[in-house]
Protein backbone atom coordinates (compact mmCIF):
# COMPACT_ATOMS: atom_id res chain seq x y z
CA MET A 1 -0.13 0.54 -0.06
CA SER A 2 1.21 3.34 -0.61
CA SER A 3 1.36 6.70 1.33
CA ALA A 4 -1.71 6.41 4.02
CA ALA A 5 -2.28 9.40 6.71
CA PRO A 6 -0.48 8.83 9.70
CA ALA A 7 -1.95 8.54 13.27
CA TRP A 8 1.00 10.08 15.07
CA ALA A 9 1.76 13.18 14.71
CA PRO A 10 4.73 15.13 16.92
CA ALA A 11 4.69 16.79 20.06
CA GLY A 12 4.08 21.32 19.51
CA ARG A 13 7.33 23.06 18.67
CA LEU A 14 10.26 22.00 20.91
CA ARG A 15 11.56 25.76 21.89
CA ASP A 16 13.70 25.24 25.01
CA ARG A 17 17.49 23.95 23.41
CA GLY A 18 18.36 22.14 27.09
CA ILE A 19 15.36 19.84 26.38
CA LEU A 20 16.32 18.92 22.33
CA ALA A 21 19.86 18.78 24.22
CA LEU A 22 18.37 15.59 26.18
CA LEU A 23 16.59 14.63 23.78
CA ALA A 24 19.22 13.89 21.60
CA ALA A 25 21.08 12.32 24.23
CA LEU A 26 18.45 9.58 24.87
CA ALA A 27 18.38 8.96 21.56
CA CYS A 28 22.04 7.88 20.83
CA LEU A 29 21.32 5.59 23.83
CA ALA A 30 18.58 4.52 21.94
CA GLY A 31 20.97 3.46 19.48
CA CYS A 32 21.59 6.66 16.64
CA THR A 33 24.63 6.96 15.09
CA THR A 34 26.69 10.04 15.85
CA GLY A 35 30.01 10.40 12.93
CA GLU A 36 32.74 12.80 11.91
CA LEU A 37 31.32 15.42 8.86
CA THR A 38 34.42 15.15 6.89
CA THR A 39 34.54 16.19 2.73
CA SER A 40 35.19 13.53 0.38
CA PRO A 41 37.34 14.35 -3.14
CA SER A 42 33.98 14.74 -4.61
CA GLY A 43 33.18 17.80 -1.98
CA ALA A 44 30.03 15.73 -0.53
CA VAL A 45 30.24 15.81 3.17
CA VAL A 46 30.55 12.09 4.51
CA PRO A 47 30.65 10.47 8.18
CA ARG A 48 32.95 8.80 9.59
CA ALA A 49 32.52 6.44 12.53
CA GLY A 50 33.65 6.48 15.71
CA THR A 51 34.12 9.57 16.80
CA ALA A 52 32.77 12.45 18.22
CA THR A 53 34.19 15.93 17.53
CA PRO A 54 33.64 17.01 13.34
CA SER A 55 36.12 18.32 11.90
CA HIS A 56 34.07 20.24 9.17
CA GLU A 57 33.95 23.50 10.68
CA ARG A 58 30.12 23.92 9.28
CA LEU A 59 28.63 21.22 11.03
CA GLY A 60 28.72 19.51 15.01
CA PRO A 61 28.27 15.97 15.54
CA VAL A 62 24.74 14.69 14.27
CA SER A 63 22.61 11.94 15.70
CA TRP A 64 21.56 9.67 12.90
CA PRO A 65 17.92 7.73 12.47
CA ALA A 66 19.55 3.98 13.99
CA ASP A 67 17.68 1.99 11.44
CA GLY A 68 17.55 2.04 7.34
CA THR A 69 19.16 4.69 5.26
CA SER A 70 19.51 8.73 5.13
CA ALA A 71 21.11 11.77 3.81
CA ALA A 72 20.68 15.10 4.19
CA ASP A 73 21.14 18.24 1.72
CA ILE A 74 21.99 21.81 3.63
CA SER A 75 22.31 24.47 1.95
CA GLY A 76 25.99 26.07 2.07
CA VAL A 77 27.25 22.95 2.98
CA GLY A 78 26.28 20.40 0.75
CA VAL A 79 25.59 16.65 1.00
CA ALA A 80 25.85 15.08 4.36
CA ASP A 81 25.97 10.90 4.20
CA GLY A 82 24.39 9.24 6.92
CA PRO A 83 24.20 5.74 7.56
CA GLY A 84 23.65 3.73 3.76
CA ALA A 85 23.51 7.14 2.05
CA ALA A 86 24.78 5.17 -0.87
CA ARG A 87 22.63 2.27 -0.56
CA ARG A 88 19.54 1.29 -3.52
CA VAL A 89 16.43 0.94 -1.47
CA PRO A 90 12.75 1.03 -2.98
CA ILE A 91 11.68 4.67 -1.84
CA ALA A 92 7.86 3.81 -2.03
CA SER A 93 5.75 7.01 -2.99
CA VAL A 94 8.32 9.51 -2.31
CA ALA A 95 9.18 8.54 -6.29
CA LYS A 96 5.82 10.79 -6.90
CA LEU A 97 7.99 13.75 -5.89
CA MET A 98 10.45 13.44 -9.41
CA THR A 99 6.64 12.75 -11.36
CA ALA A 100 5.66 16.03 -10.10
CA TYR A 101 9.05 17.82 -11.24
CA VAL A 102 9.07 16.55 -14.60
CA ILE A 103 5.71 17.47 -14.98
CA LEU A 104 6.64 21.42 -14.18
CA GLN A 105 9.43 21.25 -16.00
CA ASP A 106 7.63 20.12 -19.26
CA HIS A 107 4.35 22.38 -18.15
CA PRO A 108 5.48 25.27 -15.54
CA LEU A 109 2.82 27.20 -13.54
CA SER A 110 2.92 30.40 -12.91
CA GLY A 111 2.32 32.17 -9.86
CA ALA A 112 -1.41 30.90 -8.00
CA GLY A 113 -1.91 29.93 -12.33
CA PRO A 114 -4.37 26.12 -12.44
CA GLY A 115 -2.40 25.37 -15.14
CA PRO A 116 -4.02 23.66 -18.65
CA ASP A 117 -6.81 21.44 -17.87
CA ILE A 118 -6.52 17.65 -17.95
CA THR A 119 -9.83 15.03 -18.86
CA VAL A 120 -9.48 11.62 -17.21
CA GLU A 121 -9.93 9.07 -19.21
CA PRO A 122 -12.79 6.04 -19.39
CA SER A 123 -10.31 3.84 -18.73
CA GLU A 124 -8.73 5.42 -15.93
CA ALA A 125 -11.87 5.87 -14.04
CA ALA A 126 -12.95 2.09 -14.37
CA ALA A 127 -9.46 0.76 -13.21
CA TYR A 128 -10.21 2.51 -10.28
CA PRO A 129 -12.46 -0.21 -8.34
CA ALA A 130 -9.85 -3.06 -8.49
CA GLN A 131 -7.02 -0.53 -7.57
CA ALA A 132 -8.92 0.63 -4.70
CA ARG A 133 -9.33 -3.34 -3.80
CA ALA A 134 -5.90 -3.88 -4.10
CA GLY A 135 -5.42 -1.18 -1.44
CA GLU A 136 -3.29 1.17 -3.29
CA SER A 137 -3.05 4.71 -2.42
CA LEU A 138 -6.03 6.68 -4.66
CA VAL A 139 -8.09 9.58 -5.01
CA ALA A 140 -11.70 9.12 -6.47
CA VAL A 141 -11.98 9.74 -10.09
CA ALA A 142 -15.05 9.86 -13.01
CA ALA A 143 -14.74 9.03 -16.67
CA GLY A 144 -14.98 12.87 -17.99
CA GLU A 145 -13.89 14.54 -15.34
CA VAL A 146 -11.76 17.95 -16.24
CA ILE A 147 -8.86 18.29 -13.64
CA SER A 148 -6.21 21.54 -13.87
CA GLU A 149 -3.09 20.56 -13.88
CA ARG A 150 -2.42 22.20 -10.06
CA GLN A 151 -5.27 19.76 -8.91
CA ALA A 152 -3.72 16.82 -10.16
CA LEU A 153 0.03 17.94 -8.75
CA GLU A 154 -2.10 18.15 -5.30
CA ALA A 155 -4.33 14.92 -5.76
CA LEU A 156 -0.44 13.23 -6.62
CA LEU A 157 1.24 14.39 -3.70
CA LEU A 158 -0.99 15.48 -0.42
CA PRO A 159 -2.91 11.97 -0.07
CA SER A 160 -0.39 10.35 -2.23
CA ALA A 161 -2.55 9.23 -5.38
CA ASP A 162 -1.46 6.20 -7.51
CA ASN A 163 -4.11 6.78 -10.09
CA MET A 164 -3.08 10.46 -10.11
CA ALA A 165 0.58 9.33 -11.32
CA TRP A 166 -0.83 7.34 -13.78
CA ILE A 167 -2.60 9.88 -14.97
CA LEU A 168 -0.57 12.86 -15.45
CA ALA A 169 2.14 10.43 -16.85
CA ARG A 170 -0.39 9.55 -19.54
CA TRP A 171 -1.02 13.17 -19.80
CA ASP A 172 2.04 14.37 -20.53
CA ALA A 173 4.00 11.81 -22.45
CA GLY A 174 1.64 9.39 -24.23
CA SER A 175 2.62 6.74 -22.15
CA GLN A 176 4.02 5.18 -18.76
CA ALA A 177 7.42 4.08 -20.46
CA ALA A 178 7.50 7.31 -21.81
CA PHE A 179 6.97 9.05 -18.83
CA THR A 180 9.56 6.50 -16.79
CA ALA A 181 12.10 7.58 -19.57
CA LYS A 182 11.77 11.02 -18.63
CA MET A 183 11.82 10.49 -14.92
CA ASN A 184 15.25 8.29 -15.88
CA ALA A 185 16.48 10.92 -17.63
CA THR A 186 16.12 13.76 -15.25
CA ALA A 187 17.54 11.96 -12.46
CA ARG A 188 20.60 12.05 -14.43
CA ARG A 189 20.56 15.19 -15.56
CA LEU A 190 20.85 16.51 -11.50
CA GLY A 191 23.39 13.89 -11.14
CA MET A 192 21.19 11.15 -9.01
CA THR A 193 23.56 8.37 -10.63
CA GLY A 194 22.41 5.55 -8.46
CA THR A 195 18.36 6.15 -8.98
CA SER A 196 16.06 4.03 -11.48
CA TYR A 197 12.73 4.48 -11.85
CA THR A 198 10.66 2.04 -13.42
CA ASP A 199 6.69 3.73 -12.71
CA ALA A 200 5.32 7.14 -11.89
CA SER A 201 4.10 6.08 -8.83
CA GLY A 202 6.66 4.62 -6.86
CA LEU A 203 4.20 1.52 -6.20
CA ASP A 204 6.71 -0.50 -7.86
CA SER A 205 9.56 -1.98 -5.47
CA SER A 206 11.79 -2.03 -8.46
CA THR A 207 11.37 2.11 -8.22
CA THR A 208 14.82 2.44 -6.25
CA SER A 209 16.83 5.81 -5.51
CA THR A 210 19.09 6.52 -2.71
CA ALA A 211 18.87 8.85 0.50
CA ALA A 212 22.08 10.92 -1.04
CA ASP A 213 19.99 10.99 -4.37
CA GLN A 214 16.63 11.92 -3.06
CA VAL A 215 17.74 14.88 -0.80
CA ARG A 216 19.92 16.38 -4.37
CA LEU A 217 16.19 16.07 -6.05
CA GLY A 218 14.22 17.92 -2.69
CA MET A 219 17.04 20.77 -2.91
CA ALA A 220 15.68 21.31 -6.66
CA ALA A 221 12.68 20.72 -5.99
CA MET A 222 12.30 23.52 -3.48
CA GLN A 223 13.62 25.99 -6.31
CA THR A 224 10.68 25.34 -8.10
CA PRO A 225 8.26 27.28 -6.36
CA ALA A 226 5.22 26.01 -7.61
CA LEU A 227 5.92 22.08 -6.67
CA ALA A 228 7.37 24.20 -2.45
CA ALA A 229 4.41 25.58 -2.20
CA ILE A 230 1.91 22.00 -2.94
CA THR A 231 4.23 19.83 -1.22
CA ALA A 232 3.49 22.54 1.75
CA MET A 233 -0.23 22.81 1.45
CA PRO A 234 -1.76 21.03 4.64
CA ALA A 235 -5.19 19.90 2.59
CA ALA A 236 -7.14 20.93 -0.70
CA VAL A 237 -10.22 20.84 -2.73
CA VAL A 238 -10.05 18.74 -5.94
CA PRO A 239 -12.71 17.95 -8.40
CA VAL A 240 -14.88 14.54 -7.40
CA ALA A 241 -12.52 13.60 -4.30
CA GLY A 242 -13.68 16.73 -2.83
CA LEU A 243 -11.40 17.62 0.42
CA ILE A 244 -7.96 16.14 0.30
CA ARG A 245 -5.23 15.91 3.38
CA ASN A 246 -1.33 15.73 2.98
CA THR A 247 0.48 12.70 4.38
CA ASN A 248 3.61 14.59 6.03
CA THR A 249 1.71 15.79 9.19
CA LEU A 250 5.11 17.47 10.22
CA LEU A 251 4.37 20.36 8.43
CA GLY A 252 4.74 23.76 10.37
CA GLN A 253 6.61 22.08 13.15
CA ASP A 254 10.41 23.38 13.69
CA GLY A 255 10.18 25.20 10.19
CA ILE A 256 9.37 22.07 8.36
CA ALA A 257 7.68 23.16 4.98
CA GLY A 258 7.32 19.94 2.75
CA LEU A 259 8.03 17.40 0.65
CA LYS A 260 6.95 13.41 0.40
CA THR A 261 6.15 10.75 2.24
CA GLY A 262 5.96 6.88 1.30
CA SER A 263 5.27 3.51 2.55
CA THR A 264 4.98 -0.35 1.44
CA GLN A 265 5.86 -3.30 2.84
CA ARG A 266 8.53 -3.56 0.86
CA ALA A 267 10.16 0.21 0.89
CA GLY A 268 9.21 0.39 4.56
CA GLY A 269 8.68 3.95 5.97
CA CYS A 270 9.90 6.55 3.45
CA LEU A 271 10.23 10.24 4.27
CA LEU A 272 11.99 13.69 2.36
CA VAL A 273 11.48 16.39 4.30
CA ALA A 274 12.70 19.85 4.03
CA ALA A 275 13.25 21.98 6.76
CA ARG A 276 14.19 26.19 6.72
CA GLN A 277 16.16 26.91 10.01
CA GLN A 278 17.67 30.57 10.90
CA VAL A 279 21.48 30.05 11.60
CA ASP A 280 23.34 32.35 12.61
CA GLY A 281 21.20 35.06 11.39
CA HIS A 282 20.97 33.55 8.23
CA GLU A 283 18.24 31.19 6.59
CA THR A 284 19.32 27.50 5.68
CA LEU A 285 17.42 25.06 3.84
CA ILE A 286 17.47 21.92 5.12
CA VAL A 287 16.56 18.47 3.19
CA ALA A 288 17.06 15.20 4.96
CA ALA A 289 15.90 11.69 3.83
CA VAL A 290 15.18 8.41 5.49
CA PHE A 291 13.96 5.69 4.27
CA GLY A 292 13.90 1.86 5.28
CA GLN A 293 12.38 3.01 8.81
CA PRO A 294 10.74 -0.60 10.40
CA GLY A 295 7.10 -1.63 11.81
CA THR A 296 4.13 -2.76 11.07
CA ALA A 297 2.26 -1.70 7.68
CA ALA A 298 0.33 0.91 10.27
CA THR A 299 3.33 2.06 12.04
CA ILE A 300 6.20 2.41 9.00
CA LEU A 301 5.05 5.93 8.25
CA PRO A 302 4.21 7.02 11.80
CA ASN A 303 8.16 5.90 12.32
CA ALA A 304 9.69 7.44 9.26
CA LEU A 305 7.85 10.78 10.16
CA GLN A 306 9.49 10.80 13.80
CA ALA A 307 12.88 9.80 12.54
CA GLY A 308 12.83 12.79 10.11
CA TYR A 309 11.88 14.87 12.27
CA GLY A 310 14.51 14.05 15.07
CA LEU A 311 16.98 14.06 12.23
CA VAL A 312 15.75 17.65 10.86
CA LEU A 313 16.34 18.99 15.41
CA ALA A 314 19.77 17.10 14.94
CA LEU A 315 20.80 18.82 11.84
CA ASP A 316 19.83 22.10 13.00
CA ARG A 317 21.89 21.66 16.26
CA ALA A 318 25.15 20.18 14.13
CA LEU A 319 24.57 23.40 12.15
CA GLY A 320 24.04 25.70 15.27
CA ALA A 321 26.92 24.21 17.19
CA GLY A 322 29.05 24.95 13.60
CA ALA A 323 28.18 28.40 13.68
CA GLN A 324 29.20 28.70 17.31
CA SER A 325 32.66 27.57 16.66
CA GLY A 326 33.37 30.47 14.03
CA TRP A 327 31.29 29.51 10.82
CA ARG A 328 29.60 32.34 9.58
CA ASP A 329 27.52 32.02 5.66
CA ASP A 330 27.96 35.53 4.55
CA SER A 331 26.24 34.62 0.93
CA ASP A 332 23.88 36.54 -1.29
CA GLY A 333 20.56 35.28 -2.30
CA PRO A 334 18.32 32.46 -1.33
CA PRO A 335 19.73 28.55 -0.69
CA GLN A 336 20.45 27.39 -4.46
CA GLY A 337 19.83 23.68 -5.41
CA PRO A 338 22.53 21.45 -6.98
CA PRO A 339 24.10 22.16 -10.06
CA ARG A 340 22.55 20.65 -13.19
CA THR A 341 25.17 18.72 -15.04
CA PRO A 342 24.41 18.26 -19.27
């Protein structure tokens, strides 16, 4: 089953940094990995196990989730590799972020405009009952339904509708195969060398990527205004389905402003999350990924949300420690996404 609305949601904003420090210590005792961040020959920030004192001047030590794979991309710092960051794993509905990114590259939305209309085909509506019986994540559709591009993206990204991923893929490229080819070409252009998309929804376990690749995509997505805005929406209203809610219950907590959840039994609980933090008087954009979080069908997504929330707090603390040790980011302008490769 793709992303489902979690029962877990974090408590209110934690303001007392002393409490945060205590939570960090407890997390480490519970099995989180604390590593040293160093700079690799490629320029990426990578952890070195077995030490608690960072040599990378911009970050203090980071407590990574004990389970699954993880990574982060931080504006002004680069990609920080957590445990298993380069391991290829199923990413479930997190794949829909690339679906949305490709759609918006091909059909940009300006301001709050709705974009072009998309008509649901009879075969797509007829497939809905069988898809629902299979337990897939869906929004209700009807033959001949007209939905705007923006509404379709909201249905794709908020409740994580598999059927909307397939509708968008058909509308954009004419076939599922042609659209996944676009997804993979875009991944190569963004330098995501450990990624392979085989479907637009992420339901197929053969759609795999790495935490390090996905945070690069997340950073690029946050520089696409319509995409960043949609993933930050807690709810929306679309034709036929009506009110839809975002499966990312972290929105609004400690600067969290997107991006995408996912869960299947093969992939475990998955989360790609973005947060804007103030560090030494400057806004810093953090994009963090946690994949393969364990649990039952009912708990894997809540577990991923909890692990992602904890990682955002840990990275915020690490950035604060780096700033206190003398680092200052005096760059002009908003955080920039990763450079594109030809």
